[in-house]
Amino acid sequence: MKRVIPVLTFGALLLTALPAHATDTGLAHRDSYGTKAVYTPGQNPRTYQQPPAGYTAVFTENVSRHGSRSATDGEDGDIVLALWNQAEADGQLTARGKKFGPDVQALEAAMSAIGYGNLSGRGKDELRATAVRLEKRLPSLFSAIAANGEKIDVVSSGQGRAVDSGTVFSTALTDADPALKSSFGTARVDKNLLYFHKSAGGADYQKWLASDERLASTLKAVTDQPASHRAAARVLGRIFKPAFVQRIVDGEFASTADDITAATAVYDLYAIAPAMSEESPDGKGWDFDRYIAPRDAAWFGYLGDAEDFYEKGPSFSDSDITYKMAGVLLDDFFKQAEAKRDGTGTLGAELRFTHAEEIIPLAALMRLPGSGKAATPGETYTYANNPWRGAEVASLASNIQWDVFKKGDDYLVRMLYNEKEIAFKAGCHPIRKGSKFYDLNELERCFGRS
């Protein structure tokens, strides 16, 4: 999350309670990680619907967020270690807090060793497993790709972790089926397609993000409320003695962090730790759960979700600025499927690798599950009034896949979201009630392409 220094007085936008399920540890636990949640496939492959009789798979395409990674920088570690060192010198650490500094130093060293922002061992495993499941889901397609000399195109945003994700994914496919090696050409980069939030196509969005007063005031109001300060005090109280926590609250260390910023840094380390599980000393994970109670992790997870919801997701109901730029990516999905149908393409698969900043707005544009409801004027996003959850919308290694099936001149499309079969948006009609297969012509109509 960005560092948000609270400056507003409390007003109508403020929230006054924990998220609705903050005390439900089973559900809140995953949600508490937000978009740093590690990947979990959404469905057992054995339960997928079978295509109608006579249809065979002829094409597949995806867009995937990069896998689990280290933190993008060492800012969180710097913040908490500066406070921890001062507290240690002053004799103001709790018994638990005495372990905190060494744990942070070890985690930061592990992240620095692989490179900040780079794929972790777990991230590589996530991508390999997804690739293997893809090949197992469509074995006849990949056999045909190899036999017919079709190509598999791999394209990324150009950012290191996205490039590496494509490499790991491709290697896993060829390991699963060595005959595919000749199908892969040189991976390419397309920033306009897969880094659109920072490309020319996102210019209006970039301006809005930097200068929109409603966005800024809403996020400040969400952050600066009594519940946030209470949660911050509890988080810091696990590490520091009460007198030192009060010194943080009173602003003595304002040049380092205020109470919410400091607690957010602790939360961020908690949230990234599972992504770095294989780099832990015993390879089994980091015990950062002991530094933040479930209810407080859920609260800071909510604050992170609120930021992502407003900045990247459905956002305000009277604006599409956060997701209209994702149209370039949706257009490419249709372009590739249509090329297969029209006989103008030579690809058997199109594999794209990108970031949460692209997955989240694409999900909102397509009205994927959990991403179809924006915040109406005067109503602030909360877990109680909106289903949007970062952990479900765009976890690490999250993905959207279309499988295309052919029978004669008819083409059907099935969509998977995090490997779970899902329906297309309301107004798109499947081939029959309850089916997850849609005629490509119907999807073109439904999305206004015909």
Protein backbone atom coordinates (compact mmCIF):
# COMPACT_ATOMS: atom_id res chain seq x y z
CA MET A 1 0.00 0.00 0.00
CA LYS A 2 1.03 3.60 -0.46
CA ARG A 3 1.97 5.54 2.63
CA VAL A 4 -1.08 7.65 3.44
CA ILE A 5 -0.52 10.27 6.10
CA PRO A 6 -3.93 11.00 7.66
CA VAL A 7 -4.83 14.69 7.53
CA LEU A 8 -8.61 14.83 7.31
CA THR A 9 -11.14 15.27 10.04
CA PHE A 10 -13.67 12.48 10.34
CA GLY A 11 -16.72 12.87 8.13
CA ALA A 12 -19.48 11.09 6.33
CA LEU A 13 -17.10 8.81 4.45
CA LEU A 14 -15.56 7.29 7.56
CA LEU A 15 -16.05 3.68 8.47
CA THR A 16 -16.64 2.83 12.08
CA ALA A 17 -16.39 -0.95 12.29
CA LEU A 18 -14.17 -3.83 11.30
CA PRO A 19 -14.98 -5.60 8.02
CA ALA A 20 -18.00 -7.84 8.37
CA HIS A 21 -16.00 -11.04 8.51
CA ALA A 22 -12.93 -9.75 10.33
CA THR A 23 -13.57 -12.14 13.21
CA ASP A 24 -14.16 -15.09 10.87
CA THR A 25 -10.59 -16.38 10.81
CA GLY A 26 -11.27 -18.93 8.09
CA LEU A 27 -12.45 -16.38 5.54
CA ALA A 28 -10.64 -13.32 6.82
CA HIS A 29 -7.27 -15.05 6.80
CA ARG A 30 -6.94 -15.17 3.00
CA ASP A 31 -8.65 -11.83 2.49
CA SER A 32 -6.20 -10.26 4.94
CA TYR A 33 -3.38 -10.67 2.42
CA GLY A 34 -5.17 -8.67 -0.29
CA THR A 35 -3.48 -8.84 -3.68
CA LYS A 36 -0.38 -10.32 -2.03
CA ALA A 37 -2.31 -13.55 -1.37
CA VAL A 38 -0.52 -16.54 -2.84
CA TYR A 39 -2.20 -18.43 -5.64
CA THR A 40 -4.84 -21.09 -5.16
CA PRO A 41 -6.57 -22.77 -8.16
CA GLY A 42 -10.29 -22.13 -8.00
CA GLN A 43 -11.60 -25.55 -9.05
CA ASN A 44 -10.69 -29.21 -9.18
CA PRO A 45 -9.94 -29.90 -12.87
CA ARG A 46 -11.87 -33.17 -12.69
CA THR A 47 -15.09 -31.18 -12.24
CA TYR A 48 -14.83 -29.11 -15.42
CA GLN A 49 -17.73 -29.35 -17.85
CA GLN A 50 -16.98 -31.33 -20.98
CA PRO A 51 -17.40 -29.60 -24.34
CA PRO A 52 -20.48 -30.61 -26.32
CA ALA A 53 -20.19 -33.70 -28.49
CA GLY A 54 -18.10 -33.22 -31.59
CA TYR A 55 -16.21 -30.14 -30.38
CA THR A 56 -12.42 -30.23 -30.08
CA ALA A 57 -10.05 -27.70 -28.55
CA VAL A 58 -8.26 -25.64 -31.20
CA PHE A 59 -6.88 -22.66 -29.30
CA THR A 60 -6.20 -21.36 -25.80
CA GLU A 61 -5.17 -17.96 -24.51
CA ASN A 62 -4.54 -16.40 -21.14
CA VAL A 63 -3.42 -13.38 -19.23
CA SER A 64 -1.61 -14.10 -15.99
CA ARG A 65 -0.26 -11.96 -13.23
CA HIS A 66 3.33 -12.76 -12.35
CA GLY A 67 3.83 -15.33 -9.60
CA SER A 68 4.67 -14.73 -5.96
CA ARG A 69 7.55 -12.33 -5.51
CA SER A 70 9.61 -10.45 -3.00
CA ALA A 71 8.60 -6.95 -1.93
CA THR A 72 9.32 -4.34 -4.57
CA ASP A 73 11.66 -2.47 -2.22
CA GLY A 74 12.99 -2.44 1.34
CA GLU A 75 10.95 0.53 2.56
CA ASP A 76 8.82 -1.42 5.04
CA GLY A 77 11.86 -3.04 6.59
CA ASP A 78 13.63 0.30 6.85
CA ILE A 79 10.66 1.88 8.67
CA VAL A 80 10.15 -0.83 11.25
CA LEU A 81 13.84 -1.49 11.87
CA ALA A 82 14.49 2.20 12.53
CA LEU A 83 11.79 2.12 15.21
CA TRP A 84 12.89 -1.27 16.50
CA ASN A 85 16.51 -0.17 16.90
CA GLN A 86 15.41 2.89 18.87
CA ALA A 87 13.11 0.81 21.05
CA GLU A 88 15.86 -1.72 21.69
CA ALA A 89 18.23 1.03 22.76
CA ASP A 90 15.54 2.42 25.09
CA GLY A 91 14.62 -0.97 26.57
CA GLN A 92 11.12 -0.66 25.10
CA LEU A 93 10.68 -4.01 23.32
CA THR A 94 8.16 -6.63 24.38
CA ALA A 95 9.27 -10.24 24.71
CA ARG A 96 7.76 -10.92 21.30
CA GLY A 97 9.19 -7.70 19.94
CA LYS A 98 12.75 -8.80 20.73
CA LYS A 99 12.36 -11.47 18.03
CA PHE A 100 10.82 -9.07 15.55
CA GLY A 101 13.97 -7.22 14.49
CA PRO A 102 15.99 -10.36 13.69
CA ASP A 103 12.99 -11.80 11.82
CA VAL A 104 12.66 -8.66 9.72
CA GLN A 105 16.38 -8.62 9.00
CA ALA A 106 16.27 -12.25 7.87
CA LEU A 107 13.25 -11.69 5.63
CA GLU A 108 14.80 -8.57 4.11
CA ALA A 109 18.04 -10.43 3.49
CA ALA A 110 16.14 -13.21 1.72
CA MET A 111 14.29 -10.71 -0.46
CA SER A 112 17.47 -8.82 -1.26
CA ALA A 113 19.18 -12.08 -2.22
CA ILE A 114 16.64 -12.88 -4.94
CA GLY A 115 16.25 -9.20 -5.82
CA TYR A 116 13.45 -6.89 -4.77
CA GLY A 117 10.41 -7.40 -6.97
CA ASN A 118 11.66 -10.68 -8.42
CA LEU A 119 9.93 -14.04 -8.48
CA SER A 120 10.37 -16.17 -5.39
CA GLY A 121 10.68 -19.93 -5.36
CA ARG A 122 7.00 -20.17 -4.59
CA GLY A 123 6.17 -17.88 -7.49
CA LYS A 124 8.02 -20.12 -9.91
CA ASP A 125 6.22 -23.15 -8.48
CA GLU A 126 2.85 -21.44 -8.95
CA LEU A 127 3.54 -20.79 -12.63
CA ARG A 128 4.93 -24.26 -13.30
CA ALA A 129 1.89 -25.90 -11.73
CA THR A 130 -0.53 -23.68 -13.67
CA ALA A 131 1.24 -24.52 -16.93
CA VAL A 132 1.16 -28.26 -16.20
CA ARG A 133 -2.56 -28.09 -15.41
CA LEU A 134 -3.14 -26.21 -18.66
CA GLU A 135 -1.41 -28.94 -20.65
CA LYS A 136 -3.32 -31.67 -18.82
CA ARG A 137 -6.61 -29.84 -19.37
CA LEU A 138 -6.10 -29.66 -23.15
CA PRO A 139 -3.76 -32.53 -24.10
CA SER A 140 -5.21 -32.98 -27.58
CA LEU A 141 -4.74 -29.28 -28.33
CA PHE A 142 -1.07 -29.29 -27.43
CA SER A 143 -0.49 -32.51 -29.33
CA ALA A 144 -2.09 -30.89 -32.38
CA ILE A 145 0.00 -27.72 -31.93
CA ALA A 146 3.19 -29.78 -32.04
CA ALA A 147 2.02 -32.04 -34.89
CA ASN A 148 0.73 -29.19 -37.08
CA GLY A 149 3.61 -26.82 -36.53
CA GLU A 150 1.46 -24.15 -34.89
CA LYS A 151 3.10 -21.49 -32.79
CA ILE A 152 2.78 -20.51 -29.15
CA ASP A 153 3.24 -16.79 -28.61
CA VAL A 154 4.59 -15.55 -25.26
CA VAL A 155 4.29 -11.85 -24.50
CA SER A 156 4.88 -9.84 -21.34
CA SER A 157 4.93 -6.33 -19.94
CA GLY A 158 8.71 -6.28 -20.08
CA GLN A 159 9.05 -6.00 -16.31
CA GLY A 160 11.49 -8.57 -14.92
CA ARG A 161 9.01 -10.62 -12.89
CA ALA A 162 6.57 -10.77 -15.81
CA VAL A 163 9.29 -11.75 -18.29
CA ASP A 164 10.53 -14.43 -15.89
CA SER A 165 6.96 -15.67 -15.37
CA GLY A 166 6.61 -16.25 -19.09
CA THR A 167 9.92 -18.10 -19.19
CA VAL A 168 9.03 -20.36 -16.27
CA PHE A 169 5.58 -21.06 -17.70
CA SER A 170 6.92 -21.88 -21.17
CA THR A 171 9.63 -24.13 -19.80
CA ALA A 172 7.07 -26.04 -17.75
CA LEU A 173 4.96 -26.61 -20.86
CA THR A 174 7.89 -27.97 -22.84
CA ASP A 175 8.95 -30.12 -19.90
CA ALA A 176 5.43 -31.58 -19.86
CA ASP A 177 5.47 -32.07 -23.64
CA PRO A 178 8.96 -31.82 -25.21
CA ALA A 179 7.42 -31.88 -28.69
CA LEU A 180 6.28 -28.29 -28.06
CA LYS A 181 9.79 -26.84 -28.04
CA SER A 182 9.74 -25.96 -31.72
CA SER A 183 6.41 -24.16 -31.24
CA PHE A 184 7.95 -21.43 -29.12
CA GLY A 185 9.62 -18.48 -30.76
CA THR A 186 11.31 -15.58 -29.04
CA ALA A 187 9.21 -14.13 -26.25
CA ARG A 188 8.23 -10.55 -26.92
CA VAL A 189 7.29 -7.42 -24.96
CA ASP A 190 4.19 -5.29 -25.48
CA LYS A 191 3.88 -2.53 -22.89
CA ASN A 192 0.82 -0.99 -24.52
CA LEU A 193 -0.98 -4.31 -24.10
CA LEU A 194 0.34 -5.51 -20.75
CA TYR A 195 1.57 -2.40 -18.95
CA PHE A 196 -1.16 -0.09 -20.15
CA HIS A 197 -1.53 1.70 -16.83
CA LYS A 198 1.85 3.34 -17.48
CA SER A 199 1.79 3.48 -21.28
CA ALA A 200 0.44 6.18 -23.60
CA GLY A 201 -2.99 4.55 -23.51
CA GLY A 202 -3.15 5.16 -19.77
CA ALA A 203 -2.28 8.87 -19.91
CA ASP A 204 -5.72 10.03 -18.73
CA TYR A 205 -5.64 7.46 -15.95
CA GLN A 206 -2.19 8.56 -14.81
CA LYS A 207 -3.38 12.17 -14.62
CA TRP A 208 -6.48 11.14 -12.69
CA LEU A 209 -4.49 9.00 -10.27
CA ALA A 210 -2.12 11.86 -9.50
CA SER A 211 -4.59 14.71 -9.20
CA ASP A 212 -8.18 13.60 -8.58
CA GLU A 213 -9.35 15.25 -5.35
CA ARG A 214 -12.26 12.88 -4.78
CA LEU A 215 -9.97 9.87 -4.97
CA ALA A 216 -7.44 11.41 -2.60
CA SER A 217 -10.02 12.53 -0.04
CA THR A 218 -11.83 9.20 -0.12
CA LEU A 219 -8.67 7.19 0.52
CA LYS A 220 -7.54 9.54 3.29
CA ALA A 221 -10.94 9.30 4.91
CA VAL A 222 -10.92 5.51 4.75
CA THR A 223 -7.48 5.38 6.36
CA ASP A 224 -7.80 8.09 9.00
CA GLN A 225 -10.53 6.77 11.26
CA PRO A 226 -10.63 5.57 14.86
CA ALA A 227 -10.65 1.90 13.87
CA SER A 228 -7.36 2.36 12.00
CA HIS A 229 -5.65 4.04 14.92
CA ARG A 230 -6.90 1.39 17.34
CA ALA A 231 -5.68 -1.39 15.07
CA ALA A 232 -2.32 0.36 14.65
CA ALA A 233 -1.92 0.63 18.41
CA ARG A 234 -2.61 -3.08 18.83
CA VAL A 235 -0.14 -4.03 16.11
CA LEU A 236 2.61 -1.83 17.52
CA GLY A 237 1.78 -2.99 21.04
CA ARG A 238 2.82 -6.52 20.16
CA ILE A 239 6.33 -5.28 19.43
CA PHE A 240 6.84 -2.19 21.58
CA LYS A 241 5.99 -1.39 25.18
CA PRO A 242 3.07 1.02 25.76
CA ALA A 243 5.26 4.04 26.47
CA PHE A 244 7.08 3.64 23.16
CA VAL A 245 3.82 3.12 21.24
CA GLN A 246 2.58 6.38 22.73
CA ARG A 247 5.73 8.13 21.57
CA ILE A 248 4.98 6.95 18.02
CA VAL A 249 1.38 8.13 18.32
CA ASP A 250 2.51 11.50 19.67
CA GLY A 251 4.66 12.05 16.59
CA GLU A 252 8.10 11.81 18.13
CA PHE A 253 9.26 9.72 15.18
CA ALA A 254 7.29 11.58 12.52
CA SER A 255 10.32 11.67 10.24
CA THR A 256 10.22 7.86 10.25
CA ALA A 257 6.54 7.05 10.50
CA ASP A 258 3.28 7.87 12.25
CA ASP A 259 1.30 5.12 13.96
CA ILE A 260 -0.69 3.99 10.92
CA THR A 261 2.32 4.08 8.61
CA ALA A 262 4.38 2.06 11.06
CA ALA A 263 1.65 -0.52 11.58
CA THR A 264 1.10 -0.71 7.83
CA ALA A 265 4.79 -1.53 7.38
CA VAL A 266 4.42 -4.39 9.88
CA TYR A 267 1.34 -5.58 7.99
CA ASP A 268 3.11 -5.39 4.63
CA LEU A 269 5.86 -7.68 5.89
CA TYR A 270 3.23 -10.08 7.23
CA ALA A 271 1.47 -10.00 3.85
CA ILE A 272 4.56 -10.67 1.72
CA ALA A 273 5.98 -13.41 3.96
CA PRO A 274 3.94 -16.32 2.49
CA ALA A 275 5.17 -15.43 -1.00
CA MET A 276 8.71 -15.92 0.33
CA SER A 277 8.06 -19.22 2.11
CA GLU A 278 10.69 -21.21 0.22
CA GLU A 279 13.38 -18.67 1.10
CA SER A 280 12.74 -19.02 4.86
CA PRO A 281 15.52 -20.64 6.92
CA ASP A 282 13.74 -24.00 7.08
CA GLY A 283 11.93 -23.66 3.75
CA LYS A 284 8.58 -23.93 5.52
CA GLY A 285 7.67 -20.30 5.96
CA TRP A 286 8.08 -17.23 8.14
CA ASP A 287 6.20 -16.83 11.41
CA PHE A 288 5.05 -13.25 10.93
CA ASP A 289 1.50 -14.12 12.02
CA ARG A 290 2.67 -13.72 15.62
CA TYR A 291 3.25 -10.01 15.06
CA ILE A 292 -0.28 -9.15 13.98
CA ALA A 293 -3.57 -10.54 15.29
CA PRO A 294 -6.09 -11.87 12.75
CA ARG A 295 -8.54 -9.01 13.36
CA ASP A 296 -5.82 -6.42 12.74
CA ALA A 297 -4.47 -8.21 9.67
CA ALA A 298 -8.03 -8.22 8.36
CA TRP A 299 -8.36 -4.49 8.98
CA PHE A 300 -5.14 -3.54 7.24
CA GLY A 301 -6.02 -5.99 4.48
CA TYR A 302 -9.26 -4.07 4.07
CA LEU A 303 -7.40 -0.76 3.86
CA GLY A 304 -5.22 -2.21 1.11
CA ASP A 305 -8.28 -3.55 -0.69
CA ALA A 306 -9.96 -0.14 -0.49
CA GLU A 307 -6.96 1.48 -2.14
CA ASP A 308 -6.88 -1.11 -4.94
CA PHE A 309 -10.67 -0.97 -5.37
CA TYR A 310 -10.68 2.78 -5.89
CA GLU A 311 -7.41 3.14 -7.80
CA LYS A 312 -7.59 0.09 -10.08
CA GLY A 313 -10.96 -1.64 -9.78
CA PRO A 314 -14.65 -0.76 -10.11
CA SER A 315 -14.04 2.49 -8.19
CA PHE A 316 -16.72 5.19 -8.43
CA SER A 317 -19.97 4.29 -10.18
CA ASP A 318 -20.02 7.47 -12.28
CA SER A 319 -16.60 6.89 -13.86
CA ASP A 320 -14.81 4.22 -15.89
CA ILE A 321 -11.38 5.87 -15.75
CA THR A 322 -9.82 2.96 -13.85
CA TYR A 323 -10.78 0.23 -16.28
CA LYS A 324 -11.68 1.57 -19.72
CA MET A 325 -7.98 1.41 -20.68
CA ALA A 326 -8.16 -2.38 -20.20
CA GLY A 327 -10.14 -2.48 -23.43
CA VAL A 328 -6.88 -2.97 -25.32
CA LEU A 329 -6.40 -6.30 -23.54
CA LEU A 330 -9.99 -7.47 -23.97
CA ASP A 331 -9.73 -6.53 -27.65
CA ASP A 332 -6.67 -8.76 -27.95
CA PHE A 333 -8.53 -11.71 -26.46
CA PHE A 334 -11.20 -11.34 -29.12
CA LYS A 335 -8.64 -10.65 -31.85
CA GLN A 336 -6.81 -13.90 -31.18
CA ALA A 337 -9.99 -16.00 -30.93
CA GLU A 338 -11.38 -14.43 -34.08
CA ALA A 339 -8.12 -15.05 -35.96
CA LYS A 340 -8.41 -18.73 -35.11
CA ARG A 341 -12.01 -18.84 -36.32
CA ASP A 342 -11.29 -16.84 -39.48
CA GLY A 343 -8.20 -18.85 -40.39
CA THR A 344 -5.99 -15.76 -40.38
CA GLY A 345 -3.77 -16.77 -37.47
CA THR A 346 -1.05 -19.38 -37.02
CA LEU A 347 -1.16 -19.60 -33.24
CA GLY A 348 -2.25 -22.52 -31.13
CA ALA A 349 -1.86 -20.56 -27.90
CA GLU A 350 -1.36 -16.96 -26.77
CA LEU A 351 0.26 -16.60 -23.34
CA ARG A 352 0.41 -13.15 -21.70
CA PHE A 353 2.15 -12.15 -18.45
CA THR A 354 1.44 -8.96 -16.61
CA HIS A 355 0.60 -7.33 -13.26
CA ALA A 356 -2.21 -6.64 -10.81
CA GLU A 357 -2.58 -3.18 -12.35
CA GLU A 358 -3.81 -4.90 -15.53
CA ILE A 359 -5.71 -7.87 -14.07
CA ILE A 360 -7.81 -5.73 -11.72
CA PRO A 361 -9.15 -3.28 -14.35
CA LEU A 362 -9.68 -6.08 -16.87
CA ALA A 363 -11.78 -7.92 -14.29
CA ALA A 364 -13.81 -4.76 -13.72
CA LEU A 365 -14.26 -4.15 -17.45
CA MET A 366 -15.44 -7.73 -18.00
CA ARG A 367 -17.60 -7.71 -14.85
CA LEU A 368 -15.93 -10.85 -13.57
CA PRO A 369 -17.18 -12.29 -10.26
CA GLY A 370 -16.60 -9.83 -7.43
CA SER A 371 -15.71 -6.98 -9.80
CA GLY A 372 -19.08 -5.84 -11.03
CA LYS A 373 -20.10 -3.39 -8.31
CA ALA A 374 -18.74 0.13 -8.04
CA ALA A 375 -19.16 2.50 -5.11
CA THR A 376 -22.19 4.74 -5.47
CA PRO A 377 -21.96 8.43 -4.54
CA GLY A 378 -22.05 8.90 -0.79
CA GLU A 379 -21.38 5.24 -0.05
CA THR A 380 -17.84 4.16 0.81
CA TYR A 381 -16.55 0.74 -0.22
CA THR A 382 -16.60 -1.72 2.67
CA TYR A 383 -16.54 -5.49 2.96
CA ALA A 384 -20.13 -5.32 4.17
CA ASN A 385 -21.54 -3.58 1.09
CA ASN A 386 -19.31 -4.85 -1.73
CA PRO A 387 -17.97 -8.30 -2.71
CA TRP A 388 -14.66 -7.00 -4.12
CA ARG A 389 -11.67 -8.72 -2.48
CA GLY A 390 -8.12 -8.32 -3.69
CA ALA A 391 -7.20 -11.89 -2.78
CA GLU A 392 -9.90 -13.24 -5.10
CA VAL A 393 -9.70 -10.68 -7.89
CA ALA A 394 -5.94 -10.52 -8.39
CA SER A 395 -3.88 -12.74 -6.13
CA LEU A 396 -0.31 -13.43 -7.10
CA ALA A 397 -0.30 -15.59 -10.27
CA SER A 398 -4.01 -14.89 -10.85
CA ASN A 399 -5.13 -15.56 -14.39
CA ILE A 400 -7.93 -15.37 -16.95
CA GLN A 401 -8.05 -18.05 -19.65
CA TRP A 402 -10.20 -18.63 -22.72
CA ASP A 403 -10.34 -22.08 -24.33
CA VAL A 404 -11.71 -22.22 -27.88
CA PHE A 405 -13.44 -25.33 -29.27
CA LYS A 406 -14.47 -26.06 -32.86
CA LYS A 407 -17.06 -28.21 -34.60
CA GLY A 408 -17.38 -27.56 -38.31
CA ASP A 409 -17.77 -23.81 -38.66
CA ASP A 410 -18.96 -23.30 -35.08
CA TYR A 411 -16.66 -22.01 -32.35
CA LEU A 412 -17.31 -22.10 -28.62
CA VAL A 413 -15.43 -20.30 -25.83
CA ARG A 414 -15.07 -21.32 -22.20
CA MET A 415 -13.60 -18.90 -19.66
CA LEU A 416 -11.62 -19.84 -16.56
CA TYR A 417 -10.82 -17.31 -13.84
CA ASN A 418 -8.05 -18.56 -11.60
CA GLU A 419 -8.75 -21.93 -13.21
CA LYS A 420 -12.42 -21.89 -12.20
CA GLU A 421 -15.07 -22.13 -14.91
CA ILE A 422 -17.17 -18.97 -14.82
CA ALA A 423 -19.99 -17.41 -16.76
CA PHE A 424 -19.46 -14.36 -18.93
CA LYS A 425 -21.15 -11.15 -17.84
CA ALA A 426 -24.90 -10.71 -17.60
CA GLY A 427 -26.47 -10.43 -21.03
CA CYS A 428 -24.20 -13.04 -22.61
CA HIS A 429 -26.11 -16.25 -23.29
CA PRO A 430 -24.43 -19.67 -23.05
CA ILE A 431 -25.32 -22.39 -25.50
CA ARG A 432 -27.79 -23.70 -22.94
CA LYS A 433 -28.79 -22.87 -19.38
CA GLY A 434 -26.08 -23.78 -16.90
CA SER A 435 -23.42 -24.31 -19.54
CA LYS A 436 -20.06 -22.54 -19.34
CA PHE A 437 -19.66 -22.70 -23.12
CA TYR A 438 -20.55 -19.68 -25.28
CA ASP A 439 -20.73 -19.30 -29.04
CA LEU A 440 -18.04 -16.87 -30.16
CA ASN A 441 -20.60 -15.01 -32.28
CA GLU A 442 -22.74 -14.55 -29.18
CA LEU A 443 -19.81 -13.13 -27.23
CA GLU A 444 -19.11 -10.69 -30.04
CA ARG A 445 -22.71 -9.54 -29.85
CA CYS A 446 -22.70 -9.34 -26.08
CA PHE A 447 -19.51 -7.27 -25.96
CA GLY A 448 -20.58 -5.03 -28.84
CA ARG A 449 -18.11 -6.34 -31.38
CA SER A 450 -20.57 -7.33 -34.10
